[in-house]
Amino acid sequence: MAHINLLPWREERNKQKQREFAFIAGGSVVIAGLIVLLSHIYVDGKIVTQDQRNAFLKNEISVLDKRIGRIKELESLKDDLLARMNVIQELQSSRPESVHLMDELVRTVPEGVYLNSFAQKTRTIEMAGVAQSNARVSDYMRNIDASEWLTDPRLGLIRSTESKRRRVANFTLRGSQKVRKSTEQDNGAGGAG
């Protein structure tokens, strides 16, 4: 039988397979490297884009914060102006009340009673005076109770003294001014009559 040596052919085939394997392995490494490089470039691009977006948003937020600060200043100014307008409106609406109050004080003081002082804090009124008797002070309190503009008389102090050989009653009296909602209507009726 003839001896045929197939060794060189097998070696050649093994070398060819090794070269193909090395080529495929090298190609795979290059492709993997390219994929990693491209993904790295893509991710870096996304990061840069997101950083630009974040910077834009920060700038817009700072602009809006300035606007919000200005809006708060304007709201504070508006509240101050509204408070001033309310005070002016209250003063305008209460202006006729002082005239009515003085008029009512004159009308309610009975004969034999003289007021020495009169003080008003908000709606509370304090009066001090002299009366010919305690009964005159009681009449004065009844007149205040029946008044359209005064209410709630409270006797603070009454002291009988002698002045010019006559007995008189020194008194202090507190009351309240009624809040009337129809002040403008009274003014209109008073102005027409």
C-alpha atoms as a PDB file:
ATOM      1  CA  MET A   1       0.000   0.000   0.000  1.00  0.00           C
ATOM      2  CA  ALA A   2       1.110   3.316  -0.819  1.00  0.00           C
ATOM      3  CA  HIS A   3       1.919   5.663   1.859  1.00  0.00           C
ATOM      4  CA  ILE A   4       0.546   9.090   1.354  1.00  0.00           C
ATOM      5  CA  ASN A   5       1.564  11.735   3.753  1.00  0.00           C
ATOM      6  CA  LEU A   6      -1.358  14.147   4.444  1.00  0.00           C
ATOM      7  CA  LEU A   7       0.463  16.057   7.108  1.00  0.00           C
ATOM      8  CA  PRO A   8       1.424  19.144   5.109  1.00  0.00           C
ATOM      9  CA  TRP A   9      -2.115  19.566   3.928  1.00  0.00           C
ATOM     10  CA  ARG A  10      -3.499  19.403   7.470  1.00  0.00           C
ATOM     11  CA  GLU A  11      -0.889  21.792   8.670  1.00  0.00           C
ATOM     12  CA  GLU A  12      -1.750  24.122   5.847  1.00  0.00           C
ATOM     13  CA  ARG A  13      -5.437  23.876   6.738  1.00  0.00           C
ATOM     14  CA  ASN A  14      -4.710  24.476  10.452  1.00  0.00           C
ATOM     15  CA  LYS A  15      -2.571  27.500   9.599  1.00  0.00           C
ATOM     16  CA  GLN A  16      -5.354  28.789   7.352  1.00  0.00           C
ATOM     17  CA  LYS A  17      -7.894  28.333  10.161  1.00  0.00           C
ATOM     18  CA  GLN A  18      -5.569  30.052  12.611  1.00  0.00           C
ATOM     19  CA  ARG A  19      -5.177  32.992  10.219  1.00  0.00           C
ATOM     20  CA  GLU A  20      -8.931  33.149   9.724  1.00  0.00           C
ATOM     21  CA  PHE A  21      -9.441  32.984  13.491  1.00  0.00           C
ATOM     22  CA  ALA A  22      -6.856  35.720  14.066  1.00  0.00           C
ATOM     23  CA  PHE A  23      -8.455  37.824  11.331  1.00  0.00           C
ATOM     24  CA  ILE A  24     -11.947  37.311  12.802  1.00  0.00           C
ATOM     25  CA  ALA A  25     -10.680  37.915  16.365  1.00  0.00           C
ATOM     26  CA  GLY A  26      -8.814  41.056  15.255  1.00  0.00           C
ATOM     27  CA  GLY A  27     -11.837  42.246  13.268  1.00  0.00           C
ATOM     28  CA  SER A  28     -14.057  41.593  16.289  1.00  0.00           C
ATOM     29  CA  VAL A  29     -11.693  43.539  18.533  1.00  0.00           C
ATOM     30  CA  VAL A  30     -11.595  46.414  16.036  1.00  0.00           C
ATOM     31  CA  ILE A  31     -15.378  46.377  15.631  1.00  0.00           C
ATOM     32  CA  ALA A  32     -15.854  46.182  19.427  1.00  0.00           C
ATOM     33  CA  GLY A  33     -13.403  49.067  19.829  1.00  0.00           C
ATOM     34  CA  LEU A  34     -15.270  51.081  17.214  1.00  0.00           C
ATOM     35  CA  ILE A  35     -18.567  50.325  18.908  1.00  0.00           C
ATOM     36  CA  VAL A  36     -17.152  51.398  22.285  1.00  0.00           C
ATOM     37  CA  LEU A  37     -15.641  54.531  20.731  1.00  0.00           C
ATOM     38  CA  LEU A  38     -18.852  55.434  18.914  1.00  0.00           C
ATOM     39  CA  SER A  39     -20.979  54.809  22.022  1.00  0.00           C
ATOM     40  CA  HIS A  40     -18.545  56.901  24.079  1.00  0.00           C
ATOM     41  CA  ILE A  41     -18.769  59.742  21.519  1.00  0.00           C
ATOM     42  CA  TYR A  42     -22.572  59.422  21.464  1.00  0.00           C
ATOM     43  CA  VAL A  43     -22.870  59.477  25.281  1.00  0.00           C
ATOM     44  CA  ASP A  44     -20.451  62.422  25.503  1.00  0.00           C
ATOM     45  CA  GLY A  45     -22.557  64.259  22.919  1.00  0.00           C
ATOM     46  CA  LYS A  46     -25.692  63.545  24.936  1.00  0.00           C
ATOM     47  CA  ILE A  47     -23.974  64.772  28.125  1.00  0.00           C
ATOM     48  CA  VAL A  48     -22.857  67.981  26.406  1.00  0.00           C
ATOM     49  CA  THR A  49     -26.355  68.516  25.016  1.00  0.00           C
ATOM     50  CA  GLN A  50     -27.901  67.931  28.445  1.00  0.00           C
ATOM     51  CA  ASP A  51     -25.385  70.312  30.068  1.00  0.00           C
ATOM     52  CA  GLN A  52     -26.371  72.959  27.514  1.00  0.00           C
ATOM     53  CA  ARG A  53     -30.038  72.350  28.302  1.00  0.00           C
ATOM     54  CA  ASN A  54     -29.333  72.574  32.036  1.00  0.00           C
ATOM     55  CA  ALA A  55     -27.443  75.849  31.567  1.00  0.00           C
ATOM     56  CA  PHE A  56     -30.314  77.229  29.470  1.00  0.00           C
ATOM     57  CA  LEU A  57     -32.833  76.176  32.128  1.00  0.00           C
ATOM     58  CA  LYS A  58     -30.724  77.755  34.895  1.00  0.00           C
ATOM     59  CA  ASN A  59     -30.602  81.017  32.958  1.00  0.00           C
ATOM     60  CA  GLU A  60     -34.347  80.948  32.374  1.00  0.00           C
ATOM     61  CA  ILE A  61     -34.969  80.103  36.044  1.00  0.00           C
ATOM     62  CA  SER A  62     -32.849  83.067  37.150  1.00  0.00           C
ATOM     63  CA  VAL A  63     -34.795  85.336  34.750  1.00  0.00           C
ATOM     64  CA  LEU A  64     -38.077  84.003  36.137  1.00  0.00           C
ATOM     65  CA  ASP A  65     -36.829  84.395  39.727  1.00  0.00           C
ATOM     66  CA  LYS A  66     -36.130  88.065  38.993  1.00  0.00           C
ATOM     67  CA  ARG A  67     -39.605  88.431  37.527  1.00  0.00           C
ATOM     68  CA  ILE A  68     -41.141  86.691  40.548  1.00  0.00           C
ATOM     69  CA  GLY A  69     -39.221  89.048  42.834  1.00  0.00           C
ATOM     70  CA  ARG A  70     -40.561  92.024  40.894  1.00  0.00           C
ATOM     71  CA  ILE A  71     -44.081  90.577  41.047  1.00  0.00           C
ATOM     72  CA  LYS A  72     -43.755  90.189  44.822  1.00  0.00           C
ATOM     73  CA  GLU A  73     -42.581  93.798  45.087  1.00  0.00           C
ATOM     74  CA  LEU A  74     -45.558  94.915  43.020  1.00  0.00           C
ATOM     75  CA  GLU A  75     -47.952  92.831  45.133  1.00  0.00           C
ATOM     76  CA  SER A  76     -46.497  94.365  48.287  1.00  0.00           C
ATOM     77  CA  LEU A  77     -46.869  97.832  46.765  1.00  0.00           C
ATOM     78  CA  LYS A  78     -50.429  96.957  45.739  1.00  0.00           C
ATOM     79  CA  ASP A  79     -51.252  95.780  49.277  1.00  0.00           C
ATOM     80  CA  ASP A  80     -49.818  99.017  50.700  1.00  0.00           C
ATOM     81  CA  LEU A  81     -51.852 101.087  48.269  1.00  0.00           C
ATOM     82  CA  LEU A  82     -55.012  99.112  49.041  1.00  0.00           C
ATOM     83  CA  ALA A  83     -54.442  99.614  52.760  1.00  0.00           C
ATOM     84  CA  ARG A  84     -53.999 103.351  52.196  1.00  0.00           C
ATOM     85  CA  MET A  85     -57.114 103.447  50.038  1.00  0.00           C
ATOM     86  CA  ASN A  86     -59.071 101.638  52.760  1.00  0.00           C
ATOM     87  CA  VAL A  87     -57.879 104.139  55.372  1.00  0.00           C
ATOM     88  CA  ILE A  88     -58.842 107.032  53.108  1.00  0.00           C
ATOM     89  CA  GLN A  89     -62.202 105.431  52.397  1.00  0.00           C
ATOM     90  CA  GLU A  90     -62.835 104.907  56.112  1.00  0.00           C
ATOM     91  CA  LEU A  91     -61.903 108.513  56.791  1.00  0.00           C
ATOM     92  CA  GLN A  92     -64.188 109.684  54.002  1.00  0.00           C
ATOM     93  CA  SER A  93     -67.074 107.587  55.294  1.00  0.00           C
ATOM     94  CA  SER A  94     -66.518 108.583  58.936  1.00  0.00           C
ATOM     95  CA  ARG A  95     -66.137 112.300  58.242  1.00  0.00           C
ATOM     96  CA  PRO A  96     -69.873 113.034  58.625  1.00  0.00           C
ATOM     97  CA  GLU A  97     -69.985 110.858  61.732  1.00  0.00           C
ATOM     98  CA  SER A  98     -67.996 113.392  63.748  1.00  0.00           C
ATOM     99  CA  VAL A  99     -70.515 116.099  62.830  1.00  0.00           C
ATOM    100  CA  HIS A 100     -73.385 113.834  63.847  1.00  0.00           C
ATOM    101  CA  LEU A 101     -71.553 112.918  67.049  1.00  0.00           C
ATOM    102  CA  MET A 102     -71.067 116.541  68.101  1.00  0.00           C
ATOM    103  CA  ASP A 103     -74.659 117.319  67.200  1.00  0.00           C
ATOM    104  CA  GLU A 104     -75.870 114.332  69.209  1.00  0.00           C
ATOM    105  CA  LEU A 105     -73.746 115.338  72.213  1.00  0.00           C
ATOM    106  CA  VAL A 106     -75.476 118.718  72.244  1.00  0.00           C
ATOM    107  CA  ARG A 107     -78.920 117.141  71.899  1.00  0.00           C
ATOM    108  CA  THR A 108     -78.455 114.524  74.621  1.00  0.00           C
ATOM    109  CA  VAL A 109     -77.079 116.801  77.346  1.00  0.00           C
ATOM    110  CA  PRO A 110     -80.055 117.670  79.549  1.00  0.00           C
ATOM    111  CA  GLU A 111     -80.540 120.966  81.294  1.00  0.00           C
ATOM    112  CA  GLY A 112     -78.431 121.211  84.438  1.00  0.00           C
ATOM    113  CA  VAL A 113     -75.573 119.092  83.024  1.00  0.00           C
ATOM    114  CA  TYR A 114     -72.339 120.639  81.724  1.00  0.00           C
ATOM    115  CA  LEU A 115     -69.528 118.781  80.041  1.00  0.00           C
ATOM    116  CA  ASN A 116     -65.985 119.784  81.003  1.00  0.00           C
ATOM    117  CA  SER A 117     -64.134 117.406  78.704  1.00  0.00           C
ATOM    118  CA  PHE A 118     -64.781 114.971  75.941  1.00  0.00           C
ATOM    119  CA  ALA A 119     -62.388 112.374  74.465  1.00  0.00           C
ATOM    120  CA  GLN A 120     -62.846 109.775  71.754  1.00  0.00           C
ATOM    121  CA  LYS A 121     -60.672 106.752  71.013  1.00  0.00           C
ATOM    122  CA  THR A 122     -61.928 104.798  68.018  1.00  0.00           C
ATOM    123  CA  ARG A 123     -65.607 104.242  68.918  1.00  0.00           C
ATOM    124  CA  THR A 124     -65.261 104.726  72.687  1.00  0.00           C
ATOM    125  CA  ILE A 125     -66.237 108.116  74.094  1.00  0.00           C
ATOM    126  CA  GLU A 126     -65.293 109.398  77.548  1.00  0.00           C
ATOM    127  CA  MET A 127     -67.039 112.440  78.980  1.00  0.00           C
ATOM    128  CA  ALA A 128     -66.424 114.307  82.200  1.00  0.00           C
ATOM    129  CA  GLY A 129     -68.722 116.987  83.516  1.00  0.00           C
ATOM    130  CA  VAL A 130     -70.738 118.550  86.282  1.00  0.00           C
ATOM    131  CA  ALA A 131     -74.436 118.042  86.984  1.00  0.00           C
ATOM    132  CA  GLN A 132     -76.796 119.784  89.389  1.00  0.00           C
ATOM    133  CA  SER A 133     -77.800 116.387  90.788  1.00  0.00           C
ATOM    134  CA  ASN A 134     -77.378 112.667  90.370  1.00  0.00           C
ATOM    135  CA  ALA A 135     -80.816 112.559  88.737  1.00  0.00           C
ATOM    136  CA  ARG A 136     -79.543 114.825  85.942  1.00  0.00           C
ATOM    137  CA  VAL A 137     -76.697 112.348  85.290  1.00  0.00           C
ATOM    138  CA  SER A 138     -79.308 109.557  85.083  1.00  0.00           C
ATOM    139  CA  ASP A 139     -81.322 111.633  82.591  1.00  0.00           C
ATOM    140  CA  TYR A 140     -78.173 112.123  80.544  1.00  0.00           C
ATOM    141  CA  MET A 141     -77.535 108.365  80.512  1.00  0.00           C
ATOM    142  CA  ARG A 142     -81.137 107.701  79.386  1.00  0.00           C
ATOM    143  CA  ASN A 143     -80.767 110.295  76.610  1.00  0.00           C
ATOM    144  CA  ILE A 144     -77.558 108.599  75.431  1.00  0.00           C
ATOM    145  CA  ASP A 145     -79.294 105.223  75.435  1.00  0.00           C
ATOM    146  CA  ALA A 146     -82.141 106.616  73.304  1.00  0.00           C
ATOM    147  CA  SER A 147     -79.774 108.377  70.907  1.00  0.00           C
ATOM    148  CA  GLU A 148     -79.337 107.433  67.238  1.00  0.00           C
ATOM    149  CA  TRP A 149     -75.566 107.969  67.324  1.00  0.00           C
ATOM    150  CA  LEU A 150     -74.564 107.078  70.907  1.00  0.00           C
ATOM    151  CA  THR A 151     -75.055 103.907  72.890  1.00  0.00           C
ATOM    152  CA  ASP A 152     -73.990 101.899  75.923  1.00  0.00           C
ATOM    153  CA  PRO A 153     -73.585 104.604  78.625  1.00  0.00           C
ATOM    154  CA  ARG A 154     -71.500 103.431  81.594  1.00  0.00           C
ATOM    155  CA  LEU A 155     -70.994 105.570  84.649  1.00  0.00           C
ATOM    156  CA  GLY A 156     -67.351 105.617  85.629  1.00  0.00           C
ATOM    157  CA  LEU A 157     -67.391 107.904  88.659  1.00  0.00           C
ATOM    158  CA  ILE A 158     -69.840 110.215  90.345  1.00  0.00           C
ATOM    159  CA  ARG A 159     -68.801 112.345  93.277  1.00  0.00           C
ATOM    160  CA  SER A 160     -70.875 114.967  95.046  1.00  0.00           C
ATOM    161  CA  THR A 161     -69.028 118.152  95.972  1.00  0.00           C
ATOM    162  CA  GLU A 162     -69.955 121.620  97.041  1.00  0.00           C
ATOM    163  CA  SER A 163     -69.234 124.488  94.683  1.00  0.00           C
ATOM    164  CA  LYS A 164     -70.291 128.106  95.350  1.00  0.00           C
ATOM    165  CA  ARG A 165     -72.481 126.929  98.254  1.00  0.00           C
ATOM    166  CA  ARG A 166     -74.346 124.491  96.018  1.00  0.00           C
ATOM    167  CA  ARG A 167     -74.099 120.705  95.835  1.00  0.00           C
ATOM    168  CA  VAL A 168     -73.017 119.445  92.438  1.00  0.00           C
ATOM    169  CA  ALA A 169     -72.198 116.003  91.059  1.00  0.00           C
ATOM    170  CA  ASN A 170     -68.888 115.599  89.235  1.00  0.00           C
ATOM    171  CA  PHE A 171     -69.069 112.585  86.944  1.00  0.00           C
ATOM    172  CA  THR A 172     -67.197 110.633  84.328  1.00  0.00           C
ATOM    173  CA  LEU A 173     -69.181 108.710  81.801  1.00  0.00           C
ATOM    174  CA  ARG A 174     -68.201 106.321  79.038  1.00  0.00           C
ATOM    175  CA  GLY A 175     -70.198 105.434  75.981  1.00  0.00           C
ATOM    176  CA  SER A 176     -69.823 104.180  72.450  1.00  0.00           C
ATOM    177  CA  GLN A 177     -70.514 105.669  69.080  1.00  0.00           C
ATOM    178  CA  LYS A 178     -72.954 103.601  67.035  1.00  0.00           C
ATOM    179  CA  VAL A 179     -71.797 102.327  63.690  1.00  0.00           C
ATOM    180  CA  ARG A 180     -74.386 103.412  61.161  1.00  0.00           C
ATOM    181  CA  LYS A 181     -74.410 101.928  57.699  1.00  0.00           C
ATOM    182  CA  SER A 182     -76.785 104.515  56.294  1.00  0.00           C
ATOM    183  CA  THR A 183     -74.501 107.513  56.870  1.00  0.00           C
ATOM    184  CA  GLU A 184     -74.517 108.438  53.172  1.00  0.00           C
ATOM    185  CA  GLN A 185     -78.302 108.172  53.067  1.00  0.00           C
ATOM    186  CA  ASP A 186     -78.561 110.508  56.077  1.00  0.00           C
ATOM    187  CA  ASN A 187     -76.173 112.906  54.354  1.00  0.00           C
ATOM    188  CA  GLY A 188     -78.263 112.827  51.192  1.00  0.00           C
ATOM    189  CA  ALA A 189     -81.460 113.418  53.162  1.00  0.00           C
ATOM    190  CA  GLY A 190     -79.779 116.087  55.328  1.00  0.00           C
ATOM    191  CA  GLY A 191     -78.323 117.834  52.289  1.00  0.00           C
ATOM    192  CA  ALA A 192     -81.674 117.857  50.487  1.00  0.00           C
ATOM    193  CA  GLY A 193     -83.605 119.253  53.513  1.00  0.00           C
END
